[in-house]
Amino acid sequence: MPDREASRVTGHGFVVASRRVWEDHERVGFMYHEPAGEGDSGVAVPGGDESPGYLADPGNLVVCGIQSVLRLDPAVGSYVDAPVGTAFTPGG
């Protein structure tokens, strides 16, 4: 995937981030694309080391705009256009 500047990534709708990424400003350690609904990018960005139980609890997830996540971790911009079903470790 080519690198993209965060300011150039637009029109991708919202993403689901773990509270560790959103509130604790942990770097995105893993991201994946699921099928997207209306206004949804299909992108999920957990920190990468949360337990399945943590991620299964909706209280540990935040729906936010892609630009908000890019401000926290610009590396995500290189992966937002990946096909559904792909997963990445940003920077890895």
C-alpha atoms as a PDB file:
ATOM      1  CA  MET A   1       0.000   0.000   0.000  1.00  0.00           C
ATOM      2  CA  PRO A   2       1.333   3.455  -0.782  1.00  0.00           C
ATOM      3  CA  ASP A   3       1.782   5.910   2.056  1.00  0.00           C
ATOM      4  CA  ARG A   4      -0.900   8.568   2.279  1.00  0.00           C
ATOM      5  CA  GLU A   5      -0.910  11.808   4.198  1.00  0.00           C
ATOM      6  CA  ALA A   6      -3.606  11.939   6.859  1.00  0.00           C
ATOM      7  CA  SER A   7      -4.965  15.182   5.408  1.00  0.00           C
ATOM      8  CA  ARG A   8      -5.665  13.452   2.078  1.00  0.00           C
ATOM      9  CA  VAL A   9      -7.795  10.622   3.489  1.00  0.00           C
ATOM     10  CA  THR A  10     -11.418  11.721   3.227  1.00  0.00           C
ATOM     11  CA  GLY A  11     -14.825  10.256   2.545  1.00  0.00           C
ATOM     12  CA  HIS A  12     -14.296   6.986   4.381  1.00  0.00           C
ATOM     13  CA  GLY A  13     -17.015   7.339   7.000  1.00  0.00           C
ATOM     14  CA  PHE A  14     -16.595   6.131  10.521  1.00  0.00           C
ATOM     15  CA  VAL A  15     -14.349   3.513  12.108  1.00  0.00           C
ATOM     16  CA  VAL A  16     -14.585   1.462  15.287  1.00  0.00           C
ATOM     17  CA  ALA A  17     -11.693   2.017  17.685  1.00  0.00           C
ATOM     18  CA  SER A  18     -10.987   0.412  21.020  1.00  0.00           C
ATOM     19  CA  ARG A  19     -11.079   2.719  24.018  1.00  0.00           C
ATOM     20  CA  ARG A  20      -7.361   2.020  24.497  1.00  0.00           C
ATOM     21  CA  VAL A  21      -6.668   3.637  21.117  1.00  0.00           C
ATOM     22  CA  TRP A  22      -9.269   6.385  21.463  1.00  0.00           C
ATOM     23  CA  GLU A  23      -8.973   7.424  25.113  1.00  0.00           C
ATOM     24  CA  ASP A  24      -5.527   6.172  26.136  1.00  0.00           C
ATOM     25  CA  HIS A  25      -3.943   7.172  22.798  1.00  0.00           C
ATOM     26  CA  GLU A  26      -2.331   3.775  22.303  1.00  0.00           C
ATOM     27  CA  ARG A  27      -0.959   3.283  18.794  1.00  0.00           C
ATOM     28  CA  VAL A  28      -3.058   1.155  16.493  1.00  0.00           C
ATOM     29  CA  GLY A  29      -1.470  -2.275  16.738  1.00  0.00           C
ATOM     30  CA  PHE A  30      -3.835  -4.091  14.398  1.00  0.00           C
ATOM     31  CA  MET A  31      -6.506  -3.083  11.925  1.00  0.00           C
ATOM     32  CA  TYR A  32      -8.902  -4.962   9.714  1.00  0.00           C
ATOM     33  CA  HIS A  33     -11.673  -4.393   7.185  1.00  0.00           C
ATOM     34  CA  GLU A  34     -15.107  -5.893   7.555  1.00  0.00           C
ATOM     35  CA  PRO A  35     -18.035  -5.418   5.167  1.00  0.00           C
ATOM     36  CA  ALA A  36     -19.189  -1.805   5.471  1.00  0.00           C
ATOM     37  CA  GLY A  37     -22.666  -0.412   5.934  1.00  0.00           C
ATOM     38  CA  GLU A  38     -23.895   3.053   5.019  1.00  0.00           C
ATOM     39  CA  GLY A  39     -21.469   5.667   6.367  1.00  0.00           C
ATOM     40  CA  ASP A  40     -19.238   2.930   7.729  1.00  0.00           C
ATOM     41  CA  SER A  41     -15.692   2.459   6.447  1.00  0.00           C
ATOM     42  CA  GLY A  42     -15.628  -1.154   7.656  1.00  0.00           C
ATOM     43  CA  VAL A  43     -12.335  -0.391   9.417  1.00  0.00           C
ATOM     44  CA  ALA A  44     -11.703  -1.492  12.991  1.00  0.00           C
ATOM     45  CA  VAL A  45      -8.640  -0.286  14.895  1.00  0.00           C
ATOM     46  CA  PRO A  46      -7.890  -1.984  18.185  1.00  0.00           C
ATOM     47  CA  GLY A  47      -4.590  -1.566  19.970  1.00  0.00           C
ATOM     48  CA  GLY A  48      -3.761  -5.117  19.006  1.00  0.00           C
ATOM     49  CA  ASP A  49      -3.318  -6.763  22.369  1.00  0.00           C
ATOM     50  CA  GLU A  50      -6.828  -6.491  23.818  1.00  0.00           C
ATOM     51  CA  SER A  51      -8.442  -9.770  24.795  1.00  0.00           C
ATOM     52  CA  PRO A  52     -11.406 -11.128  22.812  1.00  0.00           C
ATOM     53  CA  GLY A  53     -13.555 -10.504  25.892  1.00  0.00           C
ATOM     54  CA  TYR A  54     -12.493  -6.849  26.007  1.00  0.00           C
ATOM     55  CA  LEU A  55     -13.354  -6.357  22.329  1.00  0.00           C
ATOM     56  CA  ALA A  56     -16.679  -8.199  22.677  1.00  0.00           C
ATOM     57  CA  ASP A  57     -17.876  -5.591  25.201  1.00  0.00           C
ATOM     58  CA  PRO A  58     -19.466  -2.672  23.276  1.00  0.00           C
ATOM     59  CA  GLY A  59     -18.530  -0.394  26.181  1.00  0.00           C
ATOM     60  CA  ASN A  60     -14.875  -0.804  25.199  1.00  0.00           C
ATOM     61  CA  LEU A  61     -15.445   0.415  21.631  1.00  0.00           C
ATOM     62  CA  VAL A  62     -15.901   3.897  20.195  1.00  0.00           C
ATOM     63  CA  VAL A  63     -17.376   4.860  16.829  1.00  0.00           C
ATOM     64  CA  CYS A  64     -15.473   7.833  15.431  1.00  0.00           C
ATOM     65  CA  GLY A  65     -14.530   9.494  12.160  1.00  0.00           C
ATOM     66  CA  ILE A  66     -11.478   8.328  10.233  1.00  0.00           C
ATOM     67  CA  GLN A  67      -9.890  11.778  10.549  1.00  0.00           C
ATOM     68  CA  SER A  68     -10.002  11.497  14.339  1.00  0.00           C
ATOM     69  CA  VAL A  69      -8.141   8.192  14.243  1.00  0.00           C
ATOM     70  CA  LEU A  70      -5.606   9.591  11.768  1.00  0.00           C
ATOM     71  CA  ARG A  71      -4.810  12.412  14.190  1.00  0.00           C
ATOM     72  CA  LEU A  72      -4.020   9.772  16.816  1.00  0.00           C
ATOM     73  CA  ASP A  73      -2.094   7.465  14.470  1.00  0.00           C
ATOM     74  CA  PRO A  74      -1.333   8.759  10.942  1.00  0.00           C
ATOM     75  CA  ALA A  75       0.020   5.341   9.862  1.00  0.00           C
ATOM     76  CA  VAL A  76      -3.580   4.125   9.536  1.00  0.00           C
ATOM     77  CA  GLY A  77      -3.924   6.282   6.399  1.00  0.00           C
ATOM     78  CA  SER A  78      -1.765   3.860   4.434  1.00  0.00           C
ATOM     79  CA  TYR A  79      -4.305   1.066   4.905  1.00  0.00           C
ATOM     80  CA  VAL A  80      -7.817   2.535   4.773  1.00  0.00           C
ATOM     81  CA  ASP A  81      -8.400   1.582   1.134  1.00  0.00           C
ATOM     82  CA  ALA A  82      -7.517  -2.099   1.584  1.00  0.00           C
ATOM     83  CA  PRO A  83     -10.113  -4.662   0.447  1.00  0.00           C
ATOM     84  CA  VAL A  84     -12.657  -6.202   2.813  1.00  0.00           C
ATOM     85  CA  GLY A  85     -11.218  -9.197   4.619  1.00  0.00           C
ATOM     86  CA  THR A  86      -7.683  -7.850   4.904  1.00  0.00           C
ATOM     87  CA  ALA A  87      -5.875  -7.231   8.164  1.00  0.00           C
ATOM     88  CA  PHE A  88      -2.704  -5.313   8.918  1.00  0.00           C
ATOM     89  CA  THR A  89      -0.268  -4.538  11.630  1.00  0.00           C
ATOM     90  CA  PRO A  90       0.515  -0.882  10.829  1.00  0.00           C
ATOM     91  CA  GLY A  91       4.232  -0.431  10.440  1.00  0.00           C
ATOM     92  CA  GLY A  92       4.659  -4.195  10.480  1.00  0.00           C
END
